[in-house]
Amino acid sequence: MRIKMPSLLAPVAAVFAVAFLWSCESNFKEVQKINYSEFIPSGEADDFNLKYTDSGRIKSILKSPKMLDYAAVEFPFTEFPKGVDVTMFDNKGKKTYIHADYGVTFKGTDIIDLQRNVKISNETGQLMETEQLYFDQKNEWFFTEKKFKFTDPKGVSYGEGIDFSKDFKIVNSQRINGAIDEPNK
C-alpha cells in the first residue's frame, strides 16, 4: 500500500493552521492590553469635608462621602459618585444649601455638574428641584435645560429651563407654569 504525500500533508497542515490561528488570538489580546490604560483615580478620599475661604471668610463648605480625583487624565475632573452637599455663604453670612446624589467638577472650566435629586434652598424658604443643574463658579450662576420645580413662600412653579443667581435674587425661567404671587406695588 502506498500513501501519497499530498494527502498526508493536508490534515497536518490544517492542524498547524488551527494552532497558528489559536495562538494569534492569544497574541492579539496581549497586544490590545499594551494600548489599554486603566482609568483609575489619582486621588481618593472618604468622608470628604472641604472649607473654601477667601480673605479669611468661609465662602463654602463641601461635604461628600466619596471623592475621586482624576487629575492624571487628558481632561482632568473630580467626581463625587456618592453625592455632594454644599453650603455657600454670601458676604452677609446668608446661606444657600445644595444637595445632589452625584456631582462632577471639571478642572479648567469652573463648571460643576450636579445630577440626580438636585435641591437648592436658602434661608428664606425658596427651594429649586431638578434632575441636573450646572453651576458656574466664576459667575456664581446656576443653569439647566431640564424640568424643574421652584417653591417659594409665594407659590410653586414648574418649568423647563432656568438660570438664576446663587441667592435667587435674579431668576430667569424659559417655559414656566404655576402661580407665584407678585408683591403689591
C-alpha atoms as a PDB file:
ATOM      1  CA  MET A   1       0.000   0.000   0.000  1.00  0.00           C
ATOM      2  CA  ARG A   2       1.283   3.298  -0.994  1.00  0.00           C
ATOM      3  CA  ILE A   3       0.387   6.609   0.770  1.00  0.00           C
ATOM      4  CA  LYS A   4       0.557   9.717  -1.281  1.00  0.00           C
ATOM      5  CA  MET A   5       2.448  12.544   0.320  1.00  0.00           C
ATOM      6  CA  PRO A   6      -0.001  15.362  -0.604  1.00  0.00           C
ATOM      7  CA  SER A   7      -2.973  13.570   1.011  1.00  0.00           C
ATOM      8  CA  LEU A   8      -0.974  13.183   4.257  1.00  0.00           C
ATOM      9  CA  LEU A   9       0.135  16.821   4.268  1.00  0.00           C
ATOM     10  CA  ALA A  10      -3.396  18.274   4.085  1.00  0.00           C
ATOM     11  CA  PRO A  11      -4.549  17.133   7.588  1.00  0.00           C
ATOM     12  CA  VAL A  12      -1.171  18.028   9.113  1.00  0.00           C
ATOM     13  CA  ALA A  13      -1.300  21.490   7.505  1.00  0.00           C
ATOM     14  CA  ALA A  14      -4.839  22.003   8.801  1.00  0.00           C
ATOM     15  CA  VAL A  15      -3.753  21.158  12.377  1.00  0.00           C
ATOM     16  CA  PHE A  16      -0.862  23.619  12.143  1.00  0.00           C
ATOM     17  CA  ALA A  17      -3.123  26.314  10.678  1.00  0.00           C
ATOM     18  CA  VAL A  18      -5.648  25.955  13.530  1.00  0.00           C
ATOM     19  CA  ALA A  19      -2.848  26.022  16.119  1.00  0.00           C
ATOM     20  CA  PHE A  20      -1.365  29.114  14.474  1.00  0.00           C
ATOM     21  CA  LEU A  21      -4.706  30.954  14.415  1.00  0.00           C
ATOM     22  CA  TRP A  22      -5.355  29.964  18.027  1.00  0.00           C
ATOM     23  CA  SER A  23      -2.022  31.415  19.110  1.00  0.00           C
ATOM     24  CA  CYS A  24      -2.681  34.604  17.096  1.00  0.00           C
ATOM     25  CA  GLU A  25      -5.871  35.202  19.085  1.00  0.00           C
ATOM     26  CA  SER A  26      -3.906  34.982  22.310  1.00  0.00           C
ATOM     27  CA  ASN A  27      -1.246  37.361  20.978  1.00  0.00           C
ATOM     28  CA  PHE A  28      -3.905  39.766  19.715  1.00  0.00           C
ATOM     29  CA  LYS A  29      -5.371  40.052  23.208  1.00  0.00           C
ATOM     30  CA  GLU A  30      -1.909  40.744  24.599  1.00  0.00           C
ATOM     31  CA  VAL A  31      -1.366  43.476  22.005  1.00  0.00           C
ATOM     32  CA  GLN A  32      -4.701  45.043  22.967  1.00  0.00           C
ATOM     33  CA  LYS A  33      -3.580  45.141  26.614  1.00  0.00           C
ATOM     34  CA  ILE A  34      -0.444  47.098  25.651  1.00  0.00           C
ATOM     35  CA  ASN A  35      -2.526  50.051  24.432  1.00  0.00           C
ATOM     36  CA  TYR A  36      -5.011  49.791  27.319  1.00  0.00           C
ATOM     37  CA  SER A  37      -4.624  52.233  30.172  1.00  0.00           C
ATOM     38  CA  GLU A  38      -6.680  51.759  33.283  1.00  0.00           C
ATOM     39  CA  PHE A  39      -8.998  54.608  34.147  1.00  0.00           C
ATOM     40  CA  ILE A  40      -8.331  54.907  37.846  1.00  0.00           C
ATOM     41  CA  PRO A  41      -8.364  57.983  40.066  1.00  0.00           C
ATOM     42  CA  SER A  42      -5.058  59.548  41.037  1.00  0.00           C
ATOM     43  CA  GLY A  43      -6.581  60.536  44.384  1.00  0.00           C
ATOM     44  CA  GLU A  44      -9.418  59.235  46.523  1.00  0.00           C
ATOM     45  CA  ALA A  45     -10.981  60.448  49.777  1.00  0.00           C
ATOM     46  CA  ASP A  46     -13.727  59.127  52.034  1.00  0.00           C
ATOM     47  CA  ASP A  47     -15.880  61.424  54.192  1.00  0.00           C
ATOM     48  CA  PHE A  48     -14.524  64.437  52.338  1.00  0.00           C
ATOM     49  CA  ASN A  49     -15.037  67.834  54.048  1.00  0.00           C
ATOM     50  CA  LEU A  50     -13.590  70.935  52.364  1.00  0.00           C
ATOM     51  CA  LYS A  51     -13.899  74.514  53.585  1.00  0.00           C
ATOM     52  CA  TYR A  52     -13.172  77.162  50.953  1.00  0.00           C
ATOM     53  CA  THR A  53     -12.085  80.512  52.362  1.00  0.00           C
ATOM     54  CA  ASP A  54     -11.359  83.861  50.773  1.00  0.00           C
ATOM     55  CA  SER A  55      -9.801  86.751  52.700  1.00  0.00           C
ATOM     56  CA  GLY A  56     -10.312  84.903  55.974  1.00  0.00           C
ATOM     57  CA  ARG A  57     -14.035  84.255  55.403  1.00  0.00           C
ATOM     58  CA  ILE A  58     -15.601  80.874  54.756  1.00  0.00           C
ATOM     59  CA  LYS A  59     -17.236  81.064  51.307  1.00  0.00           C
ATOM     60  CA  SER A  60     -18.400  77.445  51.047  1.00  0.00           C
ATOM     61  CA  ILE A  61     -18.298  74.058  52.732  1.00  0.00           C
ATOM     62  CA  LEU A  62     -18.361  70.941  50.571  1.00  0.00           C
ATOM     63  CA  LYS A  63     -19.079  67.519  52.087  1.00  0.00           C
ATOM     64  CA  SER A  64     -19.189  64.172  50.335  1.00  0.00           C
ATOM     65  CA  PRO A  65     -18.943  60.522  51.406  1.00  0.00           C
ATOM     66  CA  LYS A  66     -16.572  59.807  48.483  1.00  0.00           C
ATOM     67  CA  MET A  67     -14.372  61.973  46.279  1.00  0.00           C
ATOM     68  CA  LEU A  68     -12.400  60.654  43.292  1.00  0.00           C
ATOM     69  CA  ASP A  69      -9.788  62.883  41.660  1.00  0.00           C
ATOM     70  CA  TYR A  70      -8.852  62.142  38.046  1.00  0.00           C
ATOM     71  CA  ALA A  71      -6.033  64.682  37.723  1.00  0.00           C
ATOM     72  CA  ALA A  72      -3.830  62.469  35.510  1.00  0.00           C
ATOM     73  CA  VAL A  73      -6.261  62.076  32.576  1.00  0.00           C
ATOM     74  CA  GLU A  74      -6.317  64.230  29.438  1.00  0.00           C
ATOM     75  CA  PHE A  75      -9.329  66.264  30.653  1.00  0.00           C
ATOM     76  CA  PRO A  76      -8.977  66.254  34.462  1.00  0.00           C
ATOM     77  CA  PHE A  77     -12.024  66.202  36.705  1.00  0.00           C
ATOM     78  CA  THR A  78     -13.122  65.458  40.259  1.00  0.00           C
ATOM     79  CA  GLU A  79     -16.087  63.163  40.836  1.00  0.00           C
ATOM     80  CA  PHE A  80     -18.443  62.764  43.800  1.00  0.00           C
ATOM     81  CA  PRO A  81     -20.122  59.422  42.973  1.00  0.00           C
ATOM     82  CA  LYS A  82     -21.984  59.064  46.293  1.00  0.00           C
ATOM     83  CA  GLY A  83     -23.419  62.565  46.362  1.00  0.00           C
ATOM     84  CA  VAL A  84     -22.412  66.006  47.497  1.00  0.00           C
ATOM     85  CA  ASP A  85     -23.702  68.615  49.938  1.00  0.00           C
ATOM     86  CA  VAL A  86     -22.549  72.227  49.689  1.00  0.00           C
ATOM     87  CA  THR A  87     -23.271  75.209  51.924  1.00  0.00           C
ATOM     88  CA  MET A  88     -22.440  78.554  50.298  1.00  0.00           C
ATOM     89  CA  PHE A  89     -22.184  81.835  52.206  1.00  0.00           C
ATOM     90  CA  ASP A  90     -22.711  85.318  50.803  1.00  0.00           C
ATOM     91  CA  ASN A  91     -20.898  88.415  52.108  1.00  0.00           C
ATOM     92  CA  LYS A  92     -23.527  88.897  54.838  1.00  0.00           C
ATOM     93  CA  GLY A  93     -23.328  85.290  56.015  1.00  0.00           C
ATOM     94  CA  LYS A  94     -26.613  84.166  54.456  1.00  0.00           C
ATOM     95  CA  LYS A  95     -26.545  80.519  53.396  1.00  0.00           C
ATOM     96  CA  THR A  96     -27.528  78.637  50.267  1.00  0.00           C
ATOM     97  CA  TYR A  97     -27.738  74.837  50.582  1.00  0.00           C
ATOM     98  CA  ILE A  98     -27.124  72.466  47.685  1.00  0.00           C
ATOM     99  CA  HIS A  99     -27.645  68.701  47.557  1.00  0.00           C
ATOM    100  CA  ALA A 100     -27.131  66.271  44.664  1.00  0.00           C
ATOM    101  CA  ASP A 101     -26.831  62.483  44.535  1.00  0.00           C
ATOM    102  CA  TYR A 102     -23.908  62.860  42.087  1.00  0.00           C
ATOM    103  CA  GLY A 103     -21.514  65.641  41.180  1.00  0.00           C
ATOM    104  CA  VAL A 104     -18.517  66.248  38.950  1.00  0.00           C
ATOM    105  CA  THR A 105     -16.313  69.302  38.566  1.00  0.00           C
ATOM    106  CA  PHE A 106     -14.161  69.825  35.500  1.00  0.00           C
ATOM    107  CA  LYS A 107     -10.766  71.387  36.106  1.00  0.00           C
ATOM    108  CA  GLY A 108     -10.050  74.413  33.993  1.00  0.00           C
ATOM    109  CA  THR A 109     -13.713  75.215  33.316  1.00  0.00           C
ATOM    110  CA  ASP A 110     -15.096  76.417  36.696  1.00  0.00           C
ATOM    111  CA  ILE A 111     -18.243  74.369  35.898  1.00  0.00           C
ATOM    112  CA  ILE A 112     -19.827  71.912  38.334  1.00  0.00           C
ATOM    113  CA  ASP A 113     -22.325  69.353  37.022  1.00  0.00           C
ATOM    114  CA  LEU A 114     -24.865  68.272  39.674  1.00  0.00           C
ATOM    115  CA  GLN A 115     -27.121  65.321  38.867  1.00  0.00           C
ATOM    116  CA  ARG A 116     -29.951  63.234  40.310  1.00  0.00           C
ATOM    117  CA  ASN A 117     -32.195  64.625  43.032  1.00  0.00           C
ATOM    118  CA  VAL A 118     -30.677  68.116  42.907  1.00  0.00           C
ATOM    119  CA  LYS A 119     -32.078  70.512  45.523  1.00  0.00           C
ATOM    120  CA  ILE A 120     -31.055  74.085  46.238  1.00  0.00           C
ATOM    121  CA  SER A 121     -32.571  76.018  49.109  1.00  0.00           C
ATOM    122  CA  ASN A 122     -31.907  79.126  51.134  1.00  0.00           C
ATOM    123  CA  GLU A 123     -32.827  80.596  54.497  1.00  0.00           C
ATOM    124  CA  THR A 124     -35.859  82.458  53.106  1.00  0.00           C
ATOM    125  CA  GLY A 125     -37.641  79.212  52.191  1.00  0.00           C
ATOM    126  CA  GLN A 126     -37.001  79.112  48.454  1.00  0.00           C
ATOM    127  CA  LEU A 127     -36.362  75.635  47.023  1.00  0.00           C
ATOM    128  CA  MET A 128     -35.421  74.623  43.481  1.00  0.00           C
ATOM    129  CA  GLU A 129     -35.541  70.937  42.489  1.00  0.00           C
ATOM    130  CA  THR A 130     -34.369  69.321  39.254  1.00  0.00           C
ATOM    131  CA  GLU A 131     -32.517  66.266  37.931  1.00  0.00           C
ATOM    132  CA  GLN A 132     -29.474  68.104  36.547  1.00  0.00           C
ATOM    133  CA  LEU A 133     -28.054  71.516  37.265  1.00  0.00           C
ATOM    134  CA  TYR A 134     -24.837  73.245  36.308  1.00  0.00           C
ATOM    135  CA  PHE A 135     -23.048  75.784  38.483  1.00  0.00           C
ATOM    136  CA  ASP A 136     -20.685  78.366  37.020  1.00  0.00           C
ATOM    137  CA  GLN A 137     -18.349  79.010  39.961  1.00  0.00           C
ATOM    138  CA  LYS A 138     -16.738  82.083  38.437  1.00  0.00           C
ATOM    139  CA  ASN A 139     -20.055  83.910  37.945  1.00  0.00           C
ATOM    140  CA  GLU A 140     -21.875  82.181  40.851  1.00  0.00           C
ATOM    141  CA  TRP A 141     -24.683  81.268  38.464  1.00  0.00           C
ATOM    142  CA  PHE A 142     -26.864  78.126  38.189  1.00  0.00           C
ATOM    143  CA  PHE A 143     -28.496  76.893  34.977  1.00  0.00           C
ATOM    144  CA  THR A 144     -30.321  73.906  33.495  1.00  0.00           C
ATOM    145  CA  GLU A 145     -32.396  72.951  30.474  1.00  0.00           C
ATOM    146  CA  LYS A 146     -34.125  70.172  32.441  1.00  0.00           C
ATOM    147  CA  LYS A 147     -37.560  70.266  34.061  1.00  0.00           C
ATOM    148  CA  PHE A 148     -37.653  71.954  37.455  1.00  0.00           C
ATOM    149  CA  LYS A 149     -39.892  72.760  40.394  1.00  0.00           C
ATOM    150  CA  PHE A 150     -39.417  76.101  42.162  1.00  0.00           C
ATOM    151  CA  THR A 151     -41.069  76.559  45.553  1.00  0.00           C
ATOM    152  CA  ASP A 152     -41.239  79.973  47.118  1.00  0.00           C
ATOM    153  CA  PRO A 153     -43.232  81.206  50.135  1.00  0.00           C
ATOM    154  CA  LYS A 154     -45.370  82.988  47.495  1.00  0.00           C
ATOM    155  CA  GLY A 155     -46.187  79.854  45.474  1.00  0.00           C
ATOM    156  CA  VAL A 156     -44.972  76.945  43.376  1.00  0.00           C
ATOM    157  CA  SER A 157     -43.987  76.960  39.723  1.00  0.00           C
ATOM    158  CA  TYR A 158     -42.901  74.281  37.283  1.00  0.00           C
ATOM    159  CA  GLY A 159     -40.978  74.678  34.097  1.00  0.00           C
ATOM    160  CA  GLU A 160     -38.246  73.559  31.778  1.00  0.00           C
ATOM    161  CA  GLY A 161     -35.058  75.573  31.574  1.00  0.00           C
ATOM    162  CA  ILE A 162     -33.994  78.060  34.213  1.00  0.00           C
ATOM    163  CA  ASP A 163     -30.974  80.067  35.267  1.00  0.00           C
ATOM    164  CA  PHE A 164     -30.501  82.036  38.478  1.00  0.00           C
ATOM    165  CA  SER A 165     -28.021  83.647  40.844  1.00  0.00           C
ATOM    166  CA  LYS A 166     -26.864  81.686  43.878  1.00  0.00           C
ATOM    167  CA  ASP A 167     -29.031  83.803  46.188  1.00  0.00           C
ATOM    168  CA  PHE A 168     -32.175  83.501  43.965  1.00  0.00           C
ATOM    169  CA  LYS A 169     -32.314  87.312  43.599  1.00  0.00           C
ATOM    170  CA  ILE A 170     -32.234  87.000  39.797  1.00  0.00           C
ATOM    171  CA  VAL A 171     -34.259  84.152  38.254  1.00  0.00           C
ATOM    172  CA  ASN A 172     -34.775  83.679  34.510  1.00  0.00           C
ATOM    173  CA  SER A 173     -37.053  80.834  33.504  1.00  0.00           C
ATOM    174  CA  GLN A 174     -37.850  79.715  29.969  1.00  0.00           C
ATOM    175  CA  ARG A 175     -41.017  77.627  29.937  1.00  0.00           C
ATOM    176  CA  ILE A 176     -42.899  78.032  33.202  1.00  0.00           C
ATOM    177  CA  ASN A 177     -46.322  77.223  34.571  1.00  0.00           C
ATOM    178  CA  GLY A 178     -47.791  77.641  38.036  1.00  0.00           C
ATOM    179  CA  ALA A 179     -48.536  80.667  40.131  1.00  0.00           C
ATOM    180  CA  ILE A 180     -46.326  82.909  42.198  1.00  0.00           C
ATOM    181  CA  ASP A 181     -47.907  85.906  43.881  1.00  0.00           C
ATOM    182  CA  GLU A 182     -46.347  89.211  42.969  1.00  0.00           C
ATOM    183  CA  PRO A 183     -45.818  91.673  45.795  1.00  0.00           C
ATOM    184  CA  ASN A 184     -48.171  94.627  45.928  1.00  0.00           C
ATOM    185  CA  LYS A 185     -46.653  97.624  44.206  1.00  0.00           C
END
